[in-house]
Amino acid sequence: MTQDALTEIIESRLRVALSPTELQVWDDSDAHKGHAGAAKGGGHFEVLITSDRFSGLRPIARHRLVYDALGDLMRSRIHALSINAKTPEESL
């Protein structure tokens, strides 16, 4: 699977699970070449996601929702994930 395909899968899973009003996914893997996790095939990604599902939740609970949506990818294809999870009100 290419990194571009993986980025698309990440976006798709997050859209289905969290119905975001804003979603951006960046692949930062090239900046981490030679890193132990990257050498094993795991990618480094950054996610900016805005969703009503985050309303009333602390950041750790928001991150858990993202991790749950990505499921097996977190154990196999994603080595590092930076998450910026906001509510629509926080995005204004």
PDB file of N, CA and C in Angstrom:
ATOM      1  N   MET A   1       0.853  -1.184   0.000  1.00  0.00           N
ATOM      2  CA  MET A   1       0.000   0.000   0.000  1.00  0.00           C
ATOM      3  C   MET A   1       0.896   1.243   0.000  1.00  0.00           C
ATOM      4  N   THR A   2       0.603   2.173  -0.869  1.00  0.00           N
ATOM      5  CA  THR A   2       1.377   3.415  -0.916  1.00  0.00           C
ATOM      6  C   THR A   2       0.955   4.338   0.223  1.00  0.00           C
ATOM      7  N   GLN A   3       1.799   5.309   0.525  1.00  0.00           N
ATOM      8  CA  GLN A   3       1.462   6.278   1.565  1.00  0.00           C
ATOM      9  C   GLN A   3       0.256   7.126   1.142  1.00  0.00           C
ATOM     10  N   ASP A   4       0.143   7.432  -0.165  1.00  0.00           N
ATOM     11  CA  ASP A   4      -1.024   8.185  -0.641  1.00  0.00           C
ATOM     12  C   ASP A   4      -2.303   7.400  -0.403  1.00  0.00           C
ATOM     13  N   ALA A   5      -2.260   6.104  -0.664  1.00  0.00           N
ATOM     14  CA  ALA A   5      -3.432   5.255  -0.432  1.00  0.00           C
ATOM     15  C   ALA A   5      -3.765   5.203   1.056  1.00  0.00           C
ATOM     16  N   LEU A   6      -2.739   5.137   1.884  1.00  0.00           N
ATOM     17  CA  LEU A   6      -2.958   5.110   3.326  1.00  0.00           C
ATOM     18  C   LEU A   6      -3.586   6.414   3.804  1.00  0.00           C
ATOM     19  N   THR A   7      -3.136   7.536   3.272  1.00  0.00           N
ATOM     20  CA  THR A   7      -3.733   8.828   3.624  1.00  0.00           C
ATOM     21  C   THR A   7      -5.214   8.835   3.271  1.00  0.00           C
ATOM     22  N   GLU A   8      -5.566   8.301   2.118  1.00  0.00           N
ATOM     23  CA  GLU A   8      -6.973   8.237   1.699  1.00  0.00           C
ATOM     24  C   GLU A   8      -7.784   7.338   2.617  1.00  0.00           C
ATOM     25  N   ILE A   9      -7.205   6.235   3.053  1.00  0.00           N
ATOM     26  CA  ILE A   9      -7.909   5.328   3.972  1.00  0.00           C
ATOM     27  C   ILE A   9      -8.130   6.012   5.318  1.00  0.00           C
ATOM     28  N   ILE A  10      -7.120   6.715   5.805  1.00  0.00           N
ATOM     29  CA  ILE A  10      -7.258   7.452   7.068  1.00  0.00           C
ATOM     30  C   ILE A  10      -8.400   8.457   6.949  1.00  0.00           C
ATOM     31  N   GLU A  11      -8.399   9.236   5.882  1.00  0.00           N
ATOM     32  CA  GLU A  11      -9.460  10.224   5.670  1.00  0.00           C
ATOM     33  C   GLU A  11     -10.827   9.553   5.618  1.00  0.00           C
ATOM     34  N   SER A  12     -10.933   8.460   4.882  1.00  0.00           N
ATOM     35  CA  SER A  12     -12.214   7.768   4.742  1.00  0.00           C
ATOM     36  C   SER A  12     -12.730   7.261   6.090  1.00  0.00           C
ATOM     37  N   ARG A  13     -11.864   6.629   6.855  1.00  0.00           N
ATOM     38  CA  ARG A  13     -12.295   6.101   8.163  1.00  0.00           C
ATOM     39  C   ARG A  13     -12.741   7.218   9.102  1.00  0.00           C
ATOM     40  N   LEU A  14     -12.014   8.323   9.090  1.00  0.00           N
ATOM     41  CA  LEU A  14     -12.387   9.441   9.960  1.00  0.00           C
ATOM     42  C   LEU A  14     -13.699  10.078   9.512  1.00  0.00           C
ATOM     43  N   ARG A  15     -13.921  10.176   8.212  1.00  0.00           N
ATOM     44  CA  ARG A  15     -15.184  10.731   7.706  1.00  0.00           C
ATOM     45  C   ARG A  15     -16.370   9.849   8.109  1.00  0.00           C
ATOM     46  N   VAL A  16     -16.231   8.556   7.953  1.00  0.00           N
ATOM     47  CA  VAL A  16     -17.319   7.632   8.288  1.00  0.00           C
ATOM     48  C   VAL A  16     -17.613   7.645   9.788  1.00  0.00           C
ATOM     49  N   ALA A  17     -16.572   7.598  10.608  1.00  0.00           N
ATOM     50  CA  ALA A  17     -16.756   7.474  12.056  1.00  0.00           C
ATOM     51  C   ALA A  17     -17.139   8.773  12.745  1.00  0.00           C
ATOM     52  N   LEU A  18     -16.634   9.920  12.241  1.00  0.00           N
ATOM     53  CA  LEU A  18     -16.784  11.156  13.003  1.00  0.00           C
ATOM     54  C   LEU A  18     -17.503  12.275  12.261  1.00  0.00           C
ATOM     55  N   SER A  19     -17.912  12.059  11.029  1.00  0.00           N
ATOM     56  CA  SER A  19     -18.640  13.055  10.236  1.00  0.00           C
ATOM     57  C   SER A  19     -18.063  14.462  10.410  1.00  0.00           C
ATOM     58  N   PRO A  20     -16.797  14.644  10.108  1.00  0.00           N
ATOM     59  CA  PRO A  20     -16.183  15.954  10.350  1.00  0.00           C
ATOM     60  C   PRO A  20     -16.696  17.045   9.409  1.00  0.00           C
ATOM     61  N   THR A  21     -16.691  18.264   9.923  1.00  0.00           N
ATOM     62  CA  THR A  21     -16.996  19.426   9.090  1.00  0.00           C
ATOM     63  C   THR A  21     -15.719  19.948   8.442  1.00  0.00           C
ATOM     64  N   GLU A  22     -14.592  19.569   9.006  1.00  0.00           N
ATOM     65  CA  GLU A  22     -13.282  19.891   8.432  1.00  0.00           C
ATOM     66  C   GLU A  22     -12.362  18.714   8.698  1.00  0.00           C
ATOM     67  N   LEU A  23     -11.584  18.343   7.684  1.00  0.00           N
ATOM     68  CA  LEU A  23     -10.642  17.245   7.841  1.00  0.00           C
ATOM     69  C   LEU A  23      -9.462  17.455   6.902  1.00  0.00           C
ATOM     70  N   GLN A  24      -8.282  17.432   7.485  1.00  0.00           N
ATOM     71  CA  GLN A  24      -7.049  17.492   6.706  1.00  0.00           C
ATOM     72  C   GLN A  24      -6.096  16.458   7.278  1.00  0.00           C
ATOM     73  N   VAL A  25      -5.468  15.701   6.391  1.00  0.00           N
ATOM     74  CA  VAL A  25      -4.499  14.690   6.802  1.00  0.00           C
ATOM     75  C   VAL A  25      -3.213  14.934   6.020  1.00  0.00           C
ATOM     76  N   TRP A  26      -2.098  15.050   6.744  1.00  0.00           N
ATOM     77  CA  TRP A  26      -0.792  15.232   6.116  1.00  0.00           C
ATOM     78  C   TRP A  26       0.079  14.029   6.412  1.00  0.00           C
ATOM     79  N   ASP A  27       0.806  13.594   5.424  1.00  0.00           N
ATOM     80  CA  ASP A  27       1.784  12.526   5.582  1.00  0.00           C
ATOM     81  C   ASP A  27       3.147  13.169   5.811  1.00  0.00           C
ATOM     82  N   ASP A  28       3.672  13.025   7.018  1.00  0.00           N
ATOM     83  CA  ASP A  28       4.969  13.590   7.381  1.00  0.00           C
ATOM     84  C   ASP A  28       6.079  12.543   7.359  1.00  0.00           C
ATOM     85  N   SER A  29       5.822  11.407   6.760  1.00  0.00           N
ATOM     86  CA  SER A  29       6.764  10.290   6.814  1.00  0.00           C
ATOM     87  C   SER A  29       8.134  10.645   6.255  1.00  0.00           C
ATOM     88  N   ASP A  30       8.190  11.435   5.188  1.00  0.00           N
ATOM     89  CA  ASP A  30       9.481  11.792   4.589  1.00  0.00           C
ATOM     90  C   ASP A  30      10.387  12.530   5.560  1.00  0.00           C
ATOM     91  N   ALA A  31       9.805  13.267   6.484  1.00  0.00           N
ATOM     92  CA  ALA A  31      10.602  14.011   7.461  1.00  0.00           C
ATOM     93  C   ALA A  31      11.197  13.096   8.537  1.00  0.00           C
ATOM     94  N   HIS A  32      10.788  11.829   8.539  1.00  0.00           N
ATOM     95  CA  HIS A  32      11.221  10.903   9.586  1.00  0.00           C
ATOM     96  C   HIS A  32      11.976   9.704   9.026  1.00  0.00           C
ATOM     97  N   LYS A  33      12.489   9.824   7.800  1.00  0.00           N
ATOM     98  CA  LYS A  33      13.254   8.715   7.218  1.00  0.00           C
ATOM     99  C   LYS A  33      14.424   8.375   8.127  1.00  0.00           C
ATOM    100  N   GLY A  34      14.655   7.089   8.282  1.00  0.00           N
ATOM    101  CA  GLY A  34      15.735   6.641   9.151  1.00  0.00           C
ATOM    102  C   GLY A  34      15.304   6.425  10.588  1.00  0.00           C
ATOM    103  N   HIS A  35      14.142   6.943  10.953  1.00  0.00           N
ATOM    104  CA  HIS A  35      13.581   6.749  12.291  1.00  0.00           C
ATOM    105  C   HIS A  35      13.183   5.278  12.428  1.00  0.00           C
ATOM    106  N   ALA A  36      13.323   4.717  13.594  1.00  0.00           N
ATOM    107  CA  ALA A  36      13.069   3.289  13.797  1.00  0.00           C
ATOM    108  C   ALA A  36      11.674   2.871  13.344  1.00  0.00           C
ATOM    109  N   GLY A  37      10.650   3.645  13.695  1.00  0.00           N
ATOM    110  CA  GLY A  37       9.286   3.292  13.297  1.00  0.00           C
ATOM    111  C   GLY A  37       9.092   3.375  11.803  1.00  0.00           C
ATOM    112  N   ALA A  38       9.704   4.352  11.176  1.00  0.00           N
ATOM    113  CA  ALA A  38       9.597   4.511   9.728  1.00  0.00           C
ATOM    114  C   ALA A  38      10.299   3.364   9.022  1.00  0.00           C
ATOM    115  N   ALA A  39      11.402   2.901   9.577  1.00  0.00           N
ATOM    116  CA  ALA A  39      12.141   1.792   8.974  1.00  0.00           C
ATOM    117  C   ALA A  39      11.314   0.515   8.951  1.00  0.00           C
ATOM    118  N   LYS A  40      10.391   0.386   9.885  1.00  0.00           N
ATOM    119  CA  LYS A  40       9.524  -0.800   9.941  1.00  0.00           C
ATOM    120  C   LYS A  40       8.266  -0.619   9.097  1.00  0.00           C
ATOM    121  N   GLY A  41       8.165   0.479   8.375  1.00  0.00           N
ATOM    122  CA  GLY A  41       7.035   0.686   7.475  1.00  0.00           C
ATOM    123  C   GLY A  41       5.918   1.535   8.032  1.00  0.00           C
ATOM    124  N   GLY A  42       6.030   1.970   9.271  1.00  0.00           N
ATOM    125  CA  GLY A  42       4.983   2.797   9.863  1.00  0.00           C
ATOM    126  C   GLY A  42       5.128   4.251   9.452  1.00  0.00           C
ATOM    127  N   GLY A  43       4.009   4.869   9.113  1.00  0.00           N
ATOM    128  CA  GLY A  43       4.030   6.256   8.675  1.00  0.00           C
ATOM    129  C   GLY A  43       3.820   7.235   9.804  1.00  0.00           C
ATOM    130  N   HIS A  44       4.195   8.470   9.552  1.00  0.00           N
ATOM    131  CA  HIS A  44       4.000   9.586  10.471  1.00  0.00           C
ATOM    132  C   HIS A  44       2.965  10.512   9.841  1.00  0.00           C
ATOM    133  N   PHE A  45       1.875  10.765  10.555  1.00  0.00           N
ATOM    134  CA  PHE A  45       0.786  11.564  10.012  1.00  0.00           C
ATOM    135  C   PHE A  45       0.359  12.646  10.988  1.00  0.00           C
ATOM    136  N   GLU A  46      -0.235  13.689  10.420  1.00  0.00           N
ATOM    137  CA  GLU A  46      -0.825  14.775  11.194  1.00  0.00           C
ATOM    138  C   GLU A  46      -2.272  14.925  10.744  1.00  0.00           C
ATOM    139  N   VAL A  47      -3.178  15.068  11.712  1.00  0.00           N
ATOM    140  CA  VAL A  47      -4.607  15.186  11.423  1.00  0.00           C
ATOM    141  C   VAL A  47      -5.162  16.449  12.066  1.00  0.00           C
ATOM    142  N   LEU A  48      -5.884  17.220  11.267  1.00  0.00           N
ATOM    143  CA  LEU A  48      -6.690  18.341  11.766  1.00  0.00           C
ATOM    144  C   LEU A  48      -8.126  17.947  11.491  1.00  0.00           C
ATOM    145  N   ILE A  49      -8.914  17.808  12.548  1.00  0.00           N
ATOM    146  CA  ILE A  49     -10.294  17.353  12.390  1.00  0.00           C
ATOM    147  C   ILE A  49     -11.225  18.164  13.281  1.00  0.00           C
ATOM    148  N   THR A  50     -12.346  18.586  12.695  1.00  0.00           N
ATOM    149  CA  THR A  50     -13.378  19.324  13.412  1.00  0.00           C
ATOM    150  C   THR A  50     -14.666  18.509  13.316  1.00  0.00           C
ATOM    151  N   SER A  51     -15.260  18.224  14.469  1.00  0.00           N
ATOM    152  CA  SER A  51     -16.466  17.397  14.484  1.00  0.00           C
ATOM    153  C   SER A  51     -17.345  17.728  15.689  1.00  0.00           C
ATOM    154  N   ASP A  52     -18.651  17.660  15.480  1.00  0.00           N
ATOM    155  CA  ASP A  52     -19.604  17.806  16.589  1.00  0.00           C
ATOM    156  C   ASP A  52     -19.429  16.694  17.622  1.00  0.00           C
ATOM    157  N   ARG A  53     -18.891  15.564  17.194  1.00  0.00           N
ATOM    158  CA  ARG A  53     -18.700  14.425  18.100  1.00  0.00           C
ATOM    159  C   ARG A  53     -17.745  14.747  19.245  1.00  0.00           C
ATOM    160  N   PHE A  54     -16.942  15.797  19.111  1.00  0.00           N
ATOM    161  CA  PHE A  54     -15.979  16.166  20.146  1.00  0.00           C
ATOM    162  C   PHE A  54     -16.569  17.085  21.212  1.00  0.00           C
ATOM    163  N   SER A  55     -17.794  17.556  21.001  1.00  0.00           N
ATOM    164  CA  SER A  55     -18.426  18.477  21.951  1.00  0.00           C
ATOM    165  C   SER A  55     -18.512  17.853  23.332  1.00  0.00           C
ATOM    166  N   GLY A  56     -18.053  18.613  24.335  1.00  0.00           N
ATOM    167  CA  GLY A  56     -18.115  18.162  25.718  1.00  0.00           C
ATOM    168  C   GLY A  56     -17.024  17.177  26.108  1.00  0.00           C
ATOM    169  N   LEU A  57     -16.117  16.852  25.184  1.00  0.00           N
ATOM    170  CA  LEU A  57     -15.066  15.878  25.481  1.00  0.00           C
ATOM    171  C   LEU A  57     -13.726  16.576  25.699  1.00  0.00           C
ATOM    172  N   ARG A  58     -12.964  16.039  26.625  1.00  0.00           N
ATOM    173  CA  ARG A  58     -11.598  16.513  26.843  1.00  0.00           C
ATOM    174  C   ARG A  58     -10.716  16.003  25.699  1.00  0.00           C
ATOM    175  N   PRO A  59      -9.553  16.626  25.515  1.00  0.00           N
ATOM    176  CA  PRO A  59      -8.676  16.215  24.415  1.00  0.00           C
ATOM    177  C   PRO A  59      -8.361  14.721  24.378  1.00  0.00           C
ATOM    178  N   ILE A  60      -8.117  14.094  25.517  1.00  0.00           N
ATOM    179  CA  ILE A  60      -7.774  12.662  25.511  1.00  0.00           C
ATOM    180  C   ILE A  60      -8.932  11.819  24.981  1.00  0.00           C
ATOM    181  N   ALA A  61     -10.163  12.188  25.311  1.00  0.00           N
ATOM    182  CA  ALA A  61     -11.327  11.451  24.815  1.00  0.00           C
ATOM    183  C   ALA A  61     -11.503  11.673  23.311  1.00  0.00           C
ATOM    184  N   ARG A  62     -11.197  12.859  22.838  1.00  0.00           N
ATOM    185  CA  ARG A  62     -11.258  13.147  21.402  1.00  0.00           C
ATOM    186  C   ARG A  62     -10.238  12.294  20.656  1.00  0.00           C
ATOM    187  N   HIS A  63      -9.040  12.204  21.213  1.00  0.00           N
ATOM    188  CA  HIS A  63      -7.996  11.399  20.582  1.00  0.00           C
ATOM    189  C   HIS A  63      -8.388   9.934  20.548  1.00  0.00           C
ATOM    190  N   ARG A  64      -9.027   9.457  21.614  1.00  0.00           N
ATOM    191  CA  ARG A  64      -9.473   8.057  21.636  1.00  0.00           C
ATOM    192  C   ARG A  64     -10.473   7.785  20.520  1.00  0.00           C
ATOM    193  N   LEU A  65     -11.367   8.735  20.260  1.00  0.00           N
ATOM    194  CA  LEU A  65     -12.314   8.562  19.153  1.00  0.00           C
ATOM    195  C   LEU A  65     -11.587   8.441  17.819  1.00  0.00           C
ATOM    196  N   VAL A  66     -10.551   9.249  17.633  1.00  0.00           N
ATOM    197  CA  VAL A  66      -9.758   9.178  16.398  1.00  0.00           C
ATOM    198  C   VAL A  66      -9.045   7.827  16.327  1.00  0.00           C
ATOM    199  N   TYR A  67      -8.394   7.405  17.414  1.00  0.00           N
ATOM    200  CA  TYR A  67      -7.697   6.121  17.432  1.00  0.00           C
ATOM    201  C   TYR A  67      -8.666   4.980  17.154  1.00  0.00           C
ATOM    202  N   ASP A  68      -9.848   5.023  17.757  1.00  0.00           N
ATOM    203  CA  ASP A  68     -10.845   3.973  17.534  1.00  0.00           C
ATOM    204  C   ASP A  68     -11.269   3.922  16.070  1.00  0.00           C
ATOM    205  N   ALA A  69     -11.425   5.094  15.459  1.00  0.00           N
ATOM    206  CA  ALA A  69     -11.823   5.130  14.043  1.00  0.00           C
ATOM    207  C   ALA A  69     -10.753   4.524  13.149  1.00  0.00           C
ATOM    208  N   LEU A  70      -9.494   4.682  13.529  1.00  0.00           N
ATOM    209  CA  LEU A  70      -8.395   4.171  12.702  1.00  0.00           C
ATOM    210  C   LEU A  70      -8.071   2.714  13.006  1.00  0.00           C
ATOM    211  N   GLY A  71      -8.508   2.234  14.162  1.00  0.00           N
ATOM    212  CA  GLY A  71      -8.411   0.821  14.513  1.00  0.00           C
ATOM    213  C   GLY A  71      -7.067   0.179  14.240  1.00  0.00           C
ATOM    214  N   ASP A  72      -7.083  -0.861  13.404  1.00  0.00           N
ATOM    215  CA  ASP A  72      -5.900  -1.664  13.134  1.00  0.00           C
ATOM    216  C   ASP A  72      -4.763  -0.870  12.494  1.00  0.00           C
ATOM    217  N   LEU A  73      -5.063   0.236  11.844  1.00  0.00           N
ATOM    218  CA  LEU A  73      -4.001   1.042  11.233  1.00  0.00           C
ATOM    219  C   LEU A  73      -3.040   1.578  12.289  1.00  0.00           C
ATOM    220  N   MET A  74      -3.554   1.840  13.489  1.00  0.00           N
ATOM    221  CA  MET A  74      -2.713   2.359  14.569  1.00  0.00           C
ATOM    222  C   MET A  74      -1.702   1.306  15.031  1.00  0.00           C
ATOM    223  N   ARG A  75      -2.010   0.053  14.839  1.00  0.00           N
ATOM    224  CA  ARG A  75      -1.106  -1.021  15.264  1.00  0.00           C
ATOM    225  C   ARG A  75      -0.204  -1.510  14.137  1.00  0.00           C
ATOM    226  N   SER A  76      -0.570  -1.179  12.893  1.00  0.00           N
ATOM    227  CA  SER A  76       0.180  -1.773  11.792  1.00  0.00           C
ATOM    228  C   SER A  76       0.808  -0.775  10.819  1.00  0.00           C
ATOM    229  N   ARG A  77       0.098   0.278  10.435  1.00  0.00           N
ATOM    230  CA  ARG A  77       0.559   1.156   9.365  1.00  0.00           C
ATOM    231  C   ARG A  77       0.908   2.577   9.820  1.00  0.00           C
ATOM    232  N   ILE A  78       0.459   2.960  11.008  1.00  0.00           N
ATOM    233  CA  ILE A  78       0.731   4.307  11.516  1.00  0.00           C
ATOM    234  C   ILE A  78       1.668   4.182  12.710  1.00  0.00           C
ATOM    235  N   HIS A  79       2.826   4.800  12.585  1.00  0.00           N
ATOM    236  CA  HIS A  79       3.788   4.780  13.690  1.00  0.00           C
ATOM    237  C   HIS A  79       3.560   5.962  14.629  1.00  0.00           C
ATOM    238  N   ALA A  80       3.265   7.127  14.048  1.00  0.00           N
ATOM    239  CA  ALA A  80       3.068   8.338  14.851  1.00  0.00           C
ATOM    240  C   ALA A  80       1.918   9.149  14.267  1.00  0.00           C
ATOM    241  N   LEU A  81       1.100   9.703  15.155  1.00  0.00           N
ATOM    242  CA  LEU A  81      -0.060  10.477  14.719  1.00  0.00           C
ATOM    243  C   LEU A  81      -0.203  11.710  15.605  1.00  0.00           C
ATOM    244  N   SER A  82      -0.130  12.875  14.982  1.00  0.00           N
ATOM    245  CA  SER A  82      -0.361  14.139  15.677  1.00  0.00           C
ATOM    246  C   SER A  82      -1.808  14.535  15.393  1.00  0.00           C
ATOM    247  N   ILE A  83      -2.581  14.803  16.444  1.00  0.00           N
ATOM    248  CA  ILE A  83      -4.017  15.070  16.297  1.00  0.00           C
ATOM    249  C   ILE A  83      -4.359  16.449  16.840  1.00  0.00           C
ATOM    250  N   ASN A  84      -5.048  17.236  16.030  1.00  0.00           N
ATOM    251  CA  ASN A  84      -5.648  18.496  16.458  1.00  0.00           C
ATOM    252  C   ASN A  84      -7.147  18.312  16.249  1.00  0.00           C
ATOM    253  N   ALA A  85      -7.873  17.993  17.327  1.00  0.00           N
ATOM    254  CA  ALA A  85      -9.304  17.682  17.261  1.00  0.00           C
ATOM    255  C   ALA A  85     -10.100  18.793  17.932  1.00  0.00           C
ATOM    256  N   LYS A  86     -10.987  19.419  17.156  1.00  0.00           N
ATOM    257  CA  LYS A  86     -11.748  20.569  17.654  1.00  0.00           C
ATOM    258  C   LYS A  86     -13.241  20.383  17.387  1.00  0.00           C
ATOM    259  N   THR A  87     -14.029  21.162  18.122  1.00  0.00           N
ATOM    260  CA  THR A  87     -15.460  21.254  17.839  1.00  0.00           C
ATOM    261  C   THR A  87     -15.643  22.371  16.822  1.00  0.00           C
ATOM    262  N   PRO A  88     -16.784  22.435  16.143  1.00  0.00           N
ATOM    263  CA  PRO A  88     -17.033  23.542  15.210  1.00  0.00           C
ATOM    264  C   PRO A  88     -16.934  24.908  15.891  1.00  0.00           C
ATOM    265  N   GLU A  89     -17.366  25.012  17.127  1.00  0.00           N
ATOM    266  CA  GLU A  89     -17.297  26.273  17.860  1.00  0.00           C
ATOM    267  C   GLU A  89     -15.847  26.712  18.097  1.00  0.00           C
ATOM    268  N   GLU A  90     -14.977  25.756  18.309  1.00  0.00           N
ATOM    269  CA  GLU A  90     -13.569  26.067  18.549  1.00  0.00           C
ATOM    270  C   GLU A  90     -12.838  26.463  17.266  1.00  0.00           C
ATOM    271  N   SER A  91     -13.420  26.145  16.128  1.00  0.00           N
ATOM    272  CA  SER A  91     -12.803  26.454  14.846  1.00  0.00           C
ATOM    273  C   SER A  91     -13.115  27.865  14.358  1.00  0.00           C
ATOM    274  N   LEU A  92     -14.058  28.535  14.992  1.00  0.00           N
ATOM    275  CA  LEU A  92     -14.452  29.865  14.553  1.00  0.00           C
ATOM    276  C   LEU A  92     -13.382  30.885  14.798  1.00  0.00           C
TER     277      LEU A  92
END
